[in-house]
Amino acid sequence: MKNNENISKIAIAKPQLQRHKVKLKIGNWKNHFDLNYVNTIIAMALSDFDDNISFDIKGYLITSQNLYLVVQTTEKSIEKMVHKIEIKIIFLLKNNPQKLKENRRETSFIADDENFFYEARKPLFKIYPLENGHLVKLITGEKVTLPYFDRDLKELKALIHNHPFCSAIHYLGGIDPVEMEEIKDSKKQ
């Protein structure tokens, strides 16, 4: 008789993943920094999640006004997920000091500016549902074709395929600034 036969095995269920499609409107804190710095900090925050948290980015687009995000996570609440992203951004802003833009002539460092930290205590994003199906498909690597010409779709494709902070780079085989996981199943959700 082997020793392994008497050991009972317990099956542990994997945590249920929730798929979230959100449009996050970037708050006024973005006005304190250069646009590329804001986009870079957001990309760093999305890439730098703890291994304990299941946070798989399926698609994203970071523009000057919004962050469009398609993720699968164990968080059931969108607000909790966004709050974790905001905490990462505040942490990165404190640890990667950049000069604040107060006006065109003056700059000050983040550590000395209490007004910025007051803004950072507010929610950094306003949460909206992502309802543009064409945008969701394009940032998750799917192709969108219509039997007719659509000027808005053509402009959206041009924006996404030429944008440096977009997951379309990853799906086209390039290296993008955010670590993400591709949708592997044939039927994309």
N, C-alpha and C. Protein backbone atom coordinates (compact mmCIF):
# COMPACT_ATOMS: atom_id res chain seq x y z
N MET A 1 0.84 -1.18 0.00
CA MET A 1 0.00 0.00 0.00
C MET A 1 0.89 1.24 0.00
N LYS A 2 0.59 2.15 -0.89
CA LYS A 2 1.38 3.37 -1.01
C LYS A 2 0.87 4.41 -0.02
N ASN A 3 1.75 5.31 0.40
CA ASN A 3 1.38 6.37 1.32
C ASN A 3 0.45 7.38 0.68
N ASN A 4 0.53 7.56 -0.61
CA ASN A 4 -0.28 8.57 -1.30
C ASN A 4 -1.75 8.20 -1.40
N GLU A 5 -2.09 6.92 -1.26
CA GLU A 5 -3.47 6.49 -1.41
C GLU A 5 -4.36 6.99 -0.27
N ASN A 6 -3.79 7.20 0.89
CA ASN A 6 -4.58 7.63 2.04
C ASN A 6 -4.76 9.14 2.12
N ILE A 7 -4.11 9.87 1.28
CA ILE A 7 -4.20 11.32 1.31
C ILE A 7 -5.39 11.76 0.47
N SER A 8 -6.28 12.52 1.09
CA SER A 8 -7.42 13.02 0.34
C SER A 8 -7.04 14.33 -0.35
N LYS A 9 -7.54 14.51 -1.53
CA LYS A 9 -7.22 15.69 -2.30
C LYS A 9 -8.39 16.66 -2.24
N ILE A 10 -8.08 17.92 -2.02
CA ILE A 10 -9.10 18.95 -1.94
C ILE A 10 -8.96 19.82 -3.19
N ALA A 11 -10.05 19.97 -3.89
CA ALA A 11 -10.04 20.81 -5.08
C ALA A 11 -10.31 22.26 -4.67
N ILE A 12 -9.45 23.13 -5.11
CA ILE A 12 -9.61 24.55 -4.81
C ILE A 12 -10.05 25.23 -6.10
N ALA A 13 -11.17 25.88 -6.02
CA ALA A 13 -11.71 26.56 -7.19
C ALA A 13 -10.92 27.83 -7.48
N LYS A 14 -10.73 28.08 -8.76
CA LYS A 14 -10.08 29.33 -9.15
C LYS A 14 -11.03 30.48 -8.89
N PRO A 15 -10.48 31.63 -8.53
CA PRO A 15 -11.38 32.77 -8.34
C PRO A 15 -12.06 33.14 -9.66
N GLN A 16 -13.30 33.52 -9.56
CA GLN A 16 -14.09 33.89 -10.73
C GLN A 16 -13.59 35.22 -11.28
N LEU A 17 -13.25 35.25 -12.55
CA LEU A 17 -12.78 36.48 -13.17
C LEU A 17 -13.96 37.28 -13.71
N GLN A 18 -13.92 38.56 -13.46
CA GLN A 18 -14.94 39.49 -13.95
C GLN A 18 -14.34 40.29 -15.10
N ARG A 19 -15.10 40.47 -16.14
CA ARG A 19 -14.63 41.28 -17.26
C ARG A 19 -15.24 42.67 -17.15
N HIS A 20 -14.38 43.68 -17.15
CA HIS A 20 -14.83 45.06 -17.04
C HIS A 20 -14.42 45.82 -18.30
N LYS A 21 -15.35 46.60 -18.83
CA LYS A 21 -15.08 47.51 -19.95
C LYS A 21 -15.45 48.89 -19.45
N VAL A 22 -14.43 49.74 -19.25
CA VAL A 22 -14.69 51.05 -18.67
C VAL A 22 -13.98 52.16 -19.44
N LYS A 23 -14.57 53.33 -19.35
CA LYS A 23 -13.96 54.56 -19.85
C LYS A 23 -13.69 55.38 -18.59
N LEU A 24 -12.43 55.69 -18.34
CA LEU A 24 -12.05 56.47 -17.18
C LEU A 24 -11.64 57.85 -17.64
N LYS A 25 -12.41 58.85 -17.26
CA LYS A 25 -12.10 60.23 -17.61
C LYS A 25 -11.04 60.72 -16.64
N ILE A 26 -9.92 61.16 -17.17
CA ILE A 26 -8.79 61.60 -16.34
C ILE A 26 -9.14 62.95 -15.72
N GLY A 27 -8.96 63.06 -14.40
CA GLY A 27 -9.33 64.27 -13.67
C GLY A 27 -8.38 65.43 -13.92
N ASN A 28 -8.59 66.51 -13.19
CA ASN A 28 -7.81 67.74 -13.37
C ASN A 28 -6.35 67.60 -12.97
N TRP A 29 -5.98 66.54 -12.28
CA TRP A 29 -4.58 66.36 -11.90
C TRP A 29 -3.67 66.29 -13.12
N LYS A 30 -4.22 65.89 -14.26
CA LYS A 30 -3.40 65.78 -15.48
C LYS A 30 -2.88 67.13 -15.95
N ASN A 31 -3.59 68.21 -15.57
CA ASN A 31 -3.18 69.55 -16.01
C ASN A 31 -1.90 70.03 -15.36
N HIS A 32 -1.46 69.35 -14.31
CA HIS A 32 -0.23 69.73 -13.60
C HIS A 32 1.02 69.18 -14.29
N PHE A 33 0.85 68.29 -15.26
CA PHE A 33 2.00 67.60 -15.85
C PHE A 33 1.96 67.65 -17.36
N ASP A 34 3.08 67.31 -17.95
CA ASP A 34 3.20 67.12 -19.38
C ASP A 34 2.37 65.90 -19.79
N LEU A 35 1.77 65.94 -20.97
CA LEU A 35 0.90 64.86 -21.44
C LEU A 35 1.62 63.52 -21.50
N ASN A 36 2.83 63.49 -22.02
CA ASN A 36 3.57 62.22 -22.11
C ASN A 36 3.88 61.65 -20.74
N TYR A 37 4.15 62.54 -19.76
CA TYR A 37 4.41 62.09 -18.41
C TYR A 37 3.16 61.44 -17.81
N VAL A 38 2.00 62.04 -18.00
CA VAL A 38 0.75 61.49 -17.49
C VAL A 38 0.48 60.12 -18.13
N ASN A 39 0.61 60.03 -19.44
CA ASN A 39 0.39 58.75 -20.13
C ASN A 39 1.37 57.68 -19.67
N THR A 40 2.62 58.07 -19.46
CA THR A 40 3.63 57.13 -19.00
C THR A 40 3.33 56.64 -17.60
N ILE A 41 2.94 57.53 -16.70
CA ILE A 41 2.61 57.14 -15.32
C ILE A 41 1.41 56.19 -15.31
N ILE A 42 0.41 56.47 -16.12
CA ILE A 42 -0.76 55.59 -16.19
C ILE A 42 -0.35 54.21 -16.73
N ALA A 43 0.49 54.19 -17.77
CA ALA A 43 0.96 52.92 -18.32
C ALA A 43 1.78 52.14 -17.29
N MET A 44 2.62 52.84 -16.53
CA MET A 44 3.40 52.18 -15.48
C MET A 44 2.49 51.61 -14.40
N ALA A 45 1.45 52.34 -14.03
CA ALA A 45 0.52 51.87 -13.00
C ALA A 45 -0.23 50.62 -13.47
N LEU A 46 -0.60 50.59 -14.74
CA LEU A 46 -1.31 49.42 -15.26
C LEU A 46 -0.40 48.19 -15.33
N SER A 47 0.88 48.40 -15.57
CA SER A 47 1.83 47.30 -15.69
C SER A 47 2.30 46.76 -14.35
N ASP A 48 2.18 47.55 -13.31
CA ASP A 48 2.83 47.24 -12.03
C ASP A 48 1.82 46.83 -10.96
N PHE A 49 1.10 45.73 -11.22
CA PHE A 49 0.19 45.23 -10.20
C PHE A 49 0.83 44.09 -9.45
N ASP A 50 0.40 43.90 -8.19
CA ASP A 50 0.91 42.82 -7.36
C ASP A 50 0.58 41.48 -8.00
N ASP A 51 1.43 40.49 -7.74
CA ASP A 51 1.15 39.15 -8.24
C ASP A 51 -0.06 38.53 -7.54
N ASN A 52 -0.39 39.01 -6.36
CA ASN A 52 -1.54 38.48 -5.61
C ASN A 52 -2.87 38.88 -6.22
N ILE A 53 -2.89 39.95 -7.00
CA ILE A 53 -4.12 40.44 -7.60
C ILE A 53 -4.19 39.96 -9.04
N SER A 54 -5.28 39.31 -9.40
CA SER A 54 -5.46 38.90 -10.78
C SER A 54 -6.00 40.09 -11.56
N PHE A 55 -5.19 40.63 -12.42
CA PHE A 55 -5.54 41.83 -13.18
C PHE A 55 -4.95 41.66 -14.57
N ASP A 56 -5.73 41.10 -15.49
CA ASP A 56 -5.26 40.84 -16.85
C ASP A 56 -5.84 41.87 -17.79
N ILE A 57 -4.97 42.67 -18.36
CA ILE A 57 -5.39 43.70 -19.30
C ILE A 57 -5.56 43.05 -20.67
N LYS A 58 -6.73 43.19 -21.23
CA LYS A 58 -7.03 42.63 -22.56
C LYS A 58 -6.96 43.70 -23.64
N GLY A 59 -7.13 44.96 -23.26
CA GLY A 59 -7.06 46.06 -24.20
C GLY A 59 -7.08 47.38 -23.47
N TYR A 60 -6.39 48.38 -24.03
CA TYR A 60 -6.36 49.71 -23.41
C TYR A 60 -6.05 50.75 -24.47
N LEU A 61 -6.43 51.97 -24.18
CA LEU A 61 -6.07 53.14 -24.97
C LEU A 61 -6.00 54.31 -24.01
N ILE A 62 -4.84 54.95 -23.95
CA ILE A 62 -4.64 56.11 -23.08
C ILE A 62 -4.56 57.34 -23.97
N THR A 63 -5.54 58.24 -23.85
CA THR A 63 -5.53 59.49 -24.61
C THR A 63 -5.30 60.64 -23.64
N SER A 64 -5.36 61.86 -24.15
CA SER A 64 -5.13 63.02 -23.29
C SER A 64 -6.29 63.24 -22.32
N GLN A 65 -7.47 62.74 -22.62
CA GLN A 65 -8.64 62.96 -21.77
C GLN A 65 -9.13 61.71 -21.05
N ASN A 66 -8.91 60.52 -21.65
CA ASN A 66 -9.53 59.29 -21.14
C ASN A 66 -8.57 58.12 -21.15
N LEU A 67 -8.91 57.15 -20.31
CA LEU A 67 -8.27 55.83 -20.33
C LEU A 67 -9.38 54.84 -20.63
N TYR A 68 -9.29 54.16 -21.77
CA TYR A 68 -10.25 53.13 -22.14
C TYR A 68 -9.61 51.81 -21.77
N LEU A 69 -10.36 50.96 -21.06
CA LEU A 69 -9.75 49.79 -20.48
C LEU A 69 -10.69 48.59 -20.56
N VAL A 70 -10.15 47.46 -21.03
CA VAL A 70 -10.85 46.18 -21.02
C VAL A 70 -9.97 45.23 -20.22
N VAL A 71 -10.47 44.80 -19.06
CA VAL A 71 -9.67 43.95 -18.16
C VAL A 71 -10.50 42.78 -17.66
N GLN A 72 -9.77 41.75 -17.22
CA GLN A 72 -10.37 40.66 -16.47
C GLN A 72 -9.68 40.66 -15.11
N THR A 73 -10.47 40.68 -14.06
CA THR A 73 -9.92 40.77 -12.72
C THR A 73 -10.82 40.02 -11.75
N THR A 74 -10.30 39.73 -10.59
CA THR A 74 -11.09 39.08 -9.55
C THR A 74 -11.98 40.08 -8.82
N GLU A 75 -11.74 41.36 -9.02
CA GLU A 75 -12.57 42.40 -8.40
C GLU A 75 -13.95 42.42 -9.05
N LYS A 76 -14.99 42.30 -8.24
CA LYS A 76 -16.35 42.36 -8.77
C LYS A 76 -16.79 43.79 -9.02
N SER A 77 -16.23 44.71 -8.26
CA SER A 77 -16.63 46.11 -8.35
C SER A 77 -15.64 46.89 -9.20
N ILE A 78 -16.17 47.65 -10.13
CA ILE A 78 -15.33 48.50 -10.96
C ILE A 78 -14.65 49.55 -10.11
N GLU A 79 -15.37 50.07 -9.12
CA GLU A 79 -14.82 51.12 -8.26
C GLU A 79 -13.59 50.65 -7.50
N LYS A 80 -13.61 49.40 -7.01
CA LYS A 80 -12.44 48.87 -6.29
C LYS A 80 -11.25 48.72 -7.23
N MET A 81 -11.51 48.27 -8.45
CA MET A 81 -10.44 48.11 -9.42
C MET A 81 -9.81 49.47 -9.75
N VAL A 82 -10.66 50.48 -9.98
CA VAL A 82 -10.16 51.81 -10.32
C VAL A 82 -9.42 52.42 -9.12
N HIS A 83 -9.91 52.17 -7.92
CA HIS A 83 -9.24 52.68 -6.72
C HIS A 83 -7.82 52.11 -6.61
N LYS A 84 -7.65 50.85 -6.94
CA LYS A 84 -6.31 50.24 -6.90
C LYS A 84 -5.39 50.87 -7.95
N ILE A 85 -5.94 51.19 -9.11
CA ILE A 85 -5.15 51.88 -10.13
C ILE A 85 -4.75 53.26 -9.64
N GLU A 86 -5.68 53.98 -9.00
CA GLU A 86 -5.39 55.31 -8.48
C GLU A 86 -4.31 55.28 -7.41
N ILE A 87 -4.35 54.29 -6.54
CA ILE A 87 -3.32 54.16 -5.51
C ILE A 87 -1.95 53.96 -6.16
N LYS A 88 -1.89 53.15 -7.19
CA LYS A 88 -0.61 52.93 -7.91
C LYS A 88 -0.12 54.22 -8.55
N ILE A 89 -1.02 54.99 -9.14
CA ILE A 89 -0.62 56.24 -9.79
C ILE A 89 -0.08 57.23 -8.78
N ILE A 90 -0.76 57.38 -7.65
CA ILE A 90 -0.28 58.30 -6.61
C ILE A 90 1.09 57.85 -6.09
N PHE A 91 1.26 56.55 -5.89
CA PHE A 91 2.55 56.02 -5.45
C PHE A 91 3.64 56.34 -6.47
N LEU A 92 3.35 56.14 -7.75
CA LEU A 92 4.34 56.42 -8.80
C LEU A 92 4.64 57.90 -8.92
N LEU A 93 3.64 58.75 -8.75
CA LEU A 93 3.88 60.20 -8.81
C LEU A 93 4.78 60.66 -7.66
N LYS A 94 4.61 60.07 -6.49
CA LYS A 94 5.44 60.44 -5.34
C LYS A 94 6.87 59.94 -5.50
N ASN A 95 7.02 58.75 -6.11
CA ASN A 95 8.35 58.15 -6.24
C ASN A 95 9.09 58.53 -7.52
N ASN A 96 8.41 59.13 -8.46
CA ASN A 96 9.03 59.58 -9.71
C ASN A 96 8.76 61.06 -9.87
N PRO A 97 9.45 61.90 -9.08
CA PRO A 97 9.11 63.32 -9.11
C PRO A 97 9.33 63.94 -10.49
N GLN A 98 8.40 64.79 -10.82
CA GLN A 98 8.44 65.54 -12.08
C GLN A 98 8.06 66.97 -11.74
N LYS A 99 8.60 67.89 -12.47
CA LYS A 99 8.23 69.27 -12.21
C LYS A 99 6.78 69.51 -12.59
N LEU A 100 6.07 70.18 -11.71
CA LEU A 100 4.68 70.53 -11.98
C LEU A 100 4.62 71.77 -12.86
N LYS A 101 3.62 71.84 -13.72
CA LYS A 101 3.41 73.03 -14.52
C LYS A 101 2.44 73.93 -13.78
N GLU A 102 2.94 74.98 -13.15
CA GLU A 102 2.05 75.93 -12.50
C GLU A 102 1.61 76.98 -13.49
N ASN A 103 2.53 77.51 -14.23
CA ASN A 103 2.21 78.35 -15.38
C ASN A 103 3.37 78.23 -16.34
N ARG A 104 3.41 79.00 -17.35
CA ARG A 104 4.45 78.82 -18.37
C ARG A 104 5.83 79.23 -17.91
N ARG A 105 5.92 80.05 -16.90
CA ARG A 105 7.23 80.53 -16.45
C ARG A 105 7.76 79.79 -15.23
N GLU A 106 6.85 79.37 -14.35
CA GLU A 106 7.28 78.77 -13.09
C GLU A 106 7.03 77.27 -13.06
N THR A 107 7.89 76.56 -12.36
CA THR A 107 7.66 75.16 -12.07
C THR A 107 8.05 74.90 -10.62
N SER A 108 7.44 73.90 -10.04
CA SER A 108 7.81 73.50 -8.69
C SER A 108 7.82 71.99 -8.64
N PHE A 109 8.47 71.45 -7.64
CA PHE A 109 8.52 70.01 -7.51
C PHE A 109 7.28 69.51 -6.80
N ILE A 110 6.88 68.28 -7.10
CA ILE A 110 5.68 67.70 -6.50
C ILE A 110 5.77 67.71 -4.98
N ALA A 111 6.90 67.36 -4.44
CA ALA A 111 7.04 67.23 -3.00
C ALA A 111 6.72 68.54 -2.27
N ASP A 112 6.89 69.68 -2.94
CA ASP A 112 6.65 70.96 -2.31
C ASP A 112 5.25 71.51 -2.57
N ASP A 113 4.47 70.86 -3.39
CA ASP A 113 3.18 71.42 -3.79
C ASP A 113 2.04 70.71 -3.09
N GLU A 114 1.45 71.35 -2.09
CA GLU A 114 0.33 70.75 -1.36
C GLU A 114 -0.95 70.77 -2.17
N ASN A 115 -1.10 71.71 -3.09
CA ASN A 115 -2.29 71.75 -3.93
C ASN A 115 -2.43 70.50 -4.78
N PHE A 116 -1.30 70.00 -5.27
CA PHE A 116 -1.36 68.79 -6.08
C PHE A 116 -1.84 67.61 -5.24
N PHE A 117 -1.31 67.47 -4.03
CA PHE A 117 -1.71 66.33 -3.21
C PHE A 117 -3.15 66.44 -2.76
N TYR A 118 -3.69 67.65 -2.67
CA TYR A 118 -5.12 67.78 -2.41
C TYR A 118 -5.90 67.22 -3.60
N GLU A 119 -5.44 67.55 -4.82
CA GLU A 119 -6.09 67.02 -6.02
C GLU A 119 -5.94 65.51 -6.10
N ALA A 120 -4.77 65.01 -5.67
CA ALA A 120 -4.52 63.57 -5.75
C ALA A 120 -5.37 62.79 -4.75
N ARG A 121 -5.83 63.43 -3.68
CA ARG A 121 -6.69 62.75 -2.72
C ARG A 121 -8.09 62.55 -3.28
N LYS A 122 -8.49 63.39 -4.19
CA LYS A 122 -9.78 63.21 -4.86
C LYS A 122 -9.65 61.99 -5.77
N PRO A 123 -10.75 61.41 -6.22
CA PRO A 123 -10.61 60.36 -7.23
C PRO A 123 -9.92 60.92 -8.48
N LEU A 124 -8.97 60.17 -8.99
CA LEU A 124 -8.21 60.61 -10.16
C LEU A 124 -8.99 60.43 -11.46
N PHE A 125 -9.99 59.55 -11.43
CA PHE A 125 -10.77 59.25 -12.62
C PHE A 125 -12.26 59.30 -12.31
N LYS A 126 -13.05 59.63 -13.32
CA LYS A 126 -14.49 59.46 -13.26
C LYS A 126 -14.80 58.24 -14.11
N ILE A 127 -15.64 57.37 -13.59
CA ILE A 127 -15.90 56.08 -14.23
C ILE A 127 -17.17 56.16 -15.08
N TYR A 128 -17.03 55.70 -16.33
CA TYR A 128 -18.15 55.60 -17.25
C TYR A 128 -18.10 54.23 -17.92
N PRO A 129 -19.23 53.68 -18.32
CA PRO A 129 -19.19 52.42 -19.07
C PRO A 129 -18.62 52.65 -20.46
N LEU A 130 -17.90 51.68 -20.96
CA LEU A 130 -17.35 51.76 -22.31
C LEU A 130 -18.37 51.12 -23.25
N GLU A 131 -19.07 51.95 -23.97
CA GLU A 131 -20.18 51.47 -24.79
C GLU A 131 -19.86 51.41 -26.28
N ASN A 132 -18.70 51.87 -26.69
CA ASN A 132 -18.33 51.85 -28.10
C ASN A 132 -17.79 50.46 -28.46
N GLY A 133 -18.65 49.66 -29.08
CA GLY A 133 -18.27 48.29 -29.43
C GLY A 133 -17.12 48.22 -30.42
N HIS A 134 -17.05 49.16 -31.35
CA HIS A 134 -15.94 49.17 -32.31
C HIS A 134 -14.62 49.43 -31.60
N LEU A 135 -14.61 50.34 -30.65
CA LEU A 135 -13.40 50.64 -29.90
C LEU A 135 -12.95 49.41 -29.11
N VAL A 136 -13.88 48.74 -28.45
CA VAL A 136 -13.55 47.53 -27.67
C VAL A 136 -12.92 46.48 -28.58
N LYS A 137 -13.52 46.26 -29.74
CA LYS A 137 -12.97 45.26 -30.66
C LYS A 137 -11.58 45.65 -31.15
N LEU A 138 -11.38 46.91 -31.49
CA LEU A 138 -10.08 47.34 -32.03
C LEU A 138 -8.97 47.27 -30.98
N ILE A 139 -9.25 47.63 -29.74
CA ILE A 139 -8.18 47.60 -28.72
C ILE A 139 -7.94 46.20 -28.17
N THR A 140 -8.83 45.24 -28.49
CA THR A 140 -8.60 43.86 -28.07
C THR A 140 -8.13 42.99 -29.23
N GLY A 141 -7.72 43.60 -30.33
CA GLY A 141 -7.09 42.88 -31.42
C GLY A 141 -8.02 42.33 -32.48
N GLU A 142 -9.30 42.63 -32.40
CA GLU A 142 -10.24 42.17 -33.41
C GLU A 142 -10.30 43.17 -34.56
N LYS A 143 -10.73 42.67 -35.71
CA LYS A 143 -10.91 43.55 -36.85
C LYS A 143 -12.38 43.95 -36.94
N VAL A 144 -12.60 45.16 -37.38
CA VAL A 144 -13.96 45.66 -37.57
C VAL A 144 -14.10 46.03 -39.03
N THR A 145 -15.02 45.36 -39.70
CA THR A 145 -15.32 45.71 -41.09
C THR A 145 -16.82 45.90 -41.21
N LEU A 146 -17.17 46.90 -41.95
CA LEU A 146 -18.58 47.21 -42.19
C LEU A 146 -18.84 47.13 -43.69
N PRO A 147 -20.06 46.80 -44.09
CA PRO A 147 -20.37 46.73 -45.52
C PRO A 147 -20.52 48.11 -46.17
N TYR A 148 -20.34 49.15 -45.40
CA TYR A 148 -20.47 50.51 -45.90
C TYR A 148 -19.34 51.36 -45.31
N PHE A 149 -19.11 52.53 -45.88
CA PHE A 149 -18.06 53.43 -45.40
C PHE A 149 -18.56 54.20 -44.18
N ASP A 150 -17.75 54.20 -43.14
CA ASP A 150 -18.08 54.93 -41.92
C ASP A 150 -16.87 55.81 -41.57
N ARG A 151 -17.05 57.11 -41.71
CA ARG A 151 -15.97 58.05 -41.46
C ARG A 151 -15.46 57.97 -40.01
N ASP A 152 -16.38 57.84 -39.05
CA ASP A 152 -15.99 57.76 -37.64
C ASP A 152 -15.14 56.52 -37.37
N LEU A 153 -15.51 55.39 -37.97
CA LEU A 153 -14.74 54.17 -37.80
C LEU A 153 -13.35 54.31 -38.42
N LYS A 154 -13.27 54.95 -39.57
CA LYS A 154 -11.97 55.16 -40.22
C LYS A 154 -11.07 56.02 -39.34
N GLU A 155 -11.62 57.08 -38.75
CA GLU A 155 -10.84 57.95 -37.86
C GLU A 155 -10.44 57.21 -36.59
N LEU A 156 -11.33 56.37 -36.06
CA LEU A 156 -11.02 55.58 -34.87
C LEU A 156 -9.89 54.59 -35.14
N LYS A 157 -9.94 53.94 -36.29
CA LYS A 157 -8.87 53.00 -36.67
C LYS A 157 -7.54 53.74 -36.82
N ALA A 158 -7.56 54.91 -37.43
CA ALA A 158 -6.33 55.69 -37.59
C ALA A 158 -5.76 56.10 -36.23
N LEU A 159 -6.61 56.53 -35.32
CA LEU A 159 -6.17 56.90 -33.98
C LEU A 159 -5.53 55.72 -33.26
N ILE A 160 -6.21 54.59 -33.28
CA ILE A 160 -5.74 53.42 -32.54
C ILE A 160 -4.46 52.85 -33.12
N HIS A 161 -4.37 52.74 -34.42
CA HIS A 161 -3.20 52.12 -35.04
C HIS A 161 -1.97 53.03 -35.04
N ASN A 162 -2.14 54.32 -34.76
CA ASN A 162 -1.00 55.23 -34.73
C ASN A 162 -0.72 55.78 -33.33
N HIS A 163 -1.39 55.26 -32.32
CA HIS A 163 -1.27 55.80 -30.97
C HIS A 163 -0.22 55.02 -30.19
N PRO A 164 0.74 55.70 -29.55
CA PRO A 164 1.80 54.98 -28.83
C PRO A 164 1.33 54.32 -27.53
N PHE A 165 0.21 54.75 -26.97
CA PHE A 165 -0.29 54.18 -25.72
C PHE A 165 -1.60 53.42 -25.99
N CYS A 166 -1.47 52.35 -26.78
CA CYS A 166 -2.64 51.56 -27.16
C CYS A 166 -2.24 50.10 -27.29
N SER A 167 -3.15 49.20 -26.92
CA SER A 167 -2.87 47.77 -26.98
C SER A 167 -2.83 47.24 -28.41
N ALA A 168 -3.28 48.01 -29.38
CA ALA A 168 -3.22 47.57 -30.78
C ALA A 168 -1.77 47.28 -31.19
N ILE A 169 -0.82 47.99 -30.61
CA ILE A 169 0.60 47.74 -30.88
C ILE A 169 0.94 46.30 -30.54
N HIS A 170 0.47 45.86 -29.37
CA HIS A 170 0.74 44.50 -28.91
C HIS A 170 0.12 43.46 -29.84
N TYR A 171 -1.12 43.69 -30.23
CA TYR A 171 -1.82 42.73 -31.08
C TYR A 171 -1.25 42.70 -32.50
N LEU A 172 -0.57 43.77 -32.91
CA LEU A 172 0.06 43.78 -34.24
C LEU A 172 1.48 43.22 -34.19
N GLY A 173 1.94 42.79 -33.01
CA GLY A 173 3.25 42.15 -32.88
C GLY A 173 4.34 43.05 -32.35
N GLY A 174 4.03 44.28 -31.99
CA GLY A 174 5.03 45.20 -31.47
C GLY A 174 5.13 45.13 -29.95
N ILE A 175 5.95 46.01 -29.42
CA ILE A 175 6.13 46.10 -27.97
C ILE A 175 5.44 47.37 -27.50
N ASP A 176 4.46 47.19 -26.61
CA ASP A 176 3.73 48.35 -26.10
C ASP A 176 4.16 48.62 -24.66
N PRO A 177 3.83 49.79 -24.12
CA PRO A 177 4.32 50.17 -22.79
C PRO A 177 3.64 49.47 -21.62
N VAL A 178 2.53 48.77 -21.84
CA VAL A 178 1.80 48.11 -20.76
C VAL A 178 1.88 46.61 -20.95
N GLU A 179 2.23 45.90 -19.86
CA GLU A 179 2.22 44.44 -19.91
C GLU A 179 0.78 43.98 -19.95
N MET A 180 0.47 43.13 -20.91
CA MET A 180 -0.91 42.67 -21.02
C MET A 180 -0.95 41.23 -21.48
N GLU A 181 -2.12 40.63 -21.37
CA GLU A 181 -2.32 39.26 -21.77
C GLU A 181 -3.34 39.23 -22.89
N GLU A 182 -2.97 38.58 -23.99
CA GLU A 182 -3.87 38.52 -25.15
C GLU A 182 -5.07 37.65 -24.86
N ILE A 183 -6.15 37.93 -25.56
CA ILE A 183 -7.32 37.07 -25.53
C ILE A 183 -7.00 35.90 -26.45
N LYS A 184 -6.99 34.68 -25.89
CA LYS A 184 -6.52 33.54 -26.65
C LYS A 184 -7.63 32.70 -27.25
N ASP A 185 -8.83 32.78 -26.71
CA ASP A 185 -9.90 31.93 -27.21
C ASP A 185 -10.40 32.43 -28.57
N SER A 186 -10.96 31.52 -29.34
CA SER A 186 -11.43 31.89 -30.67
C SER A 186 -12.67 32.78 -30.61
N LYS A 187 -13.49 32.57 -29.60
CA LYS A 187 -14.68 33.43 -29.45
C LYS A 187 -14.35 34.49 -28.42
N LYS A 188 -13.98 35.67 -28.90
CA LYS A 188 -13.61 36.76 -28.00
C LYS A 188 -14.86 37.32 -27.37
N GLN A 189 -14.77 37.50 -26.06
CA GLN A 189 -15.95 37.93 -25.31
C GLN A 189 -16.27 39.37 -25.53
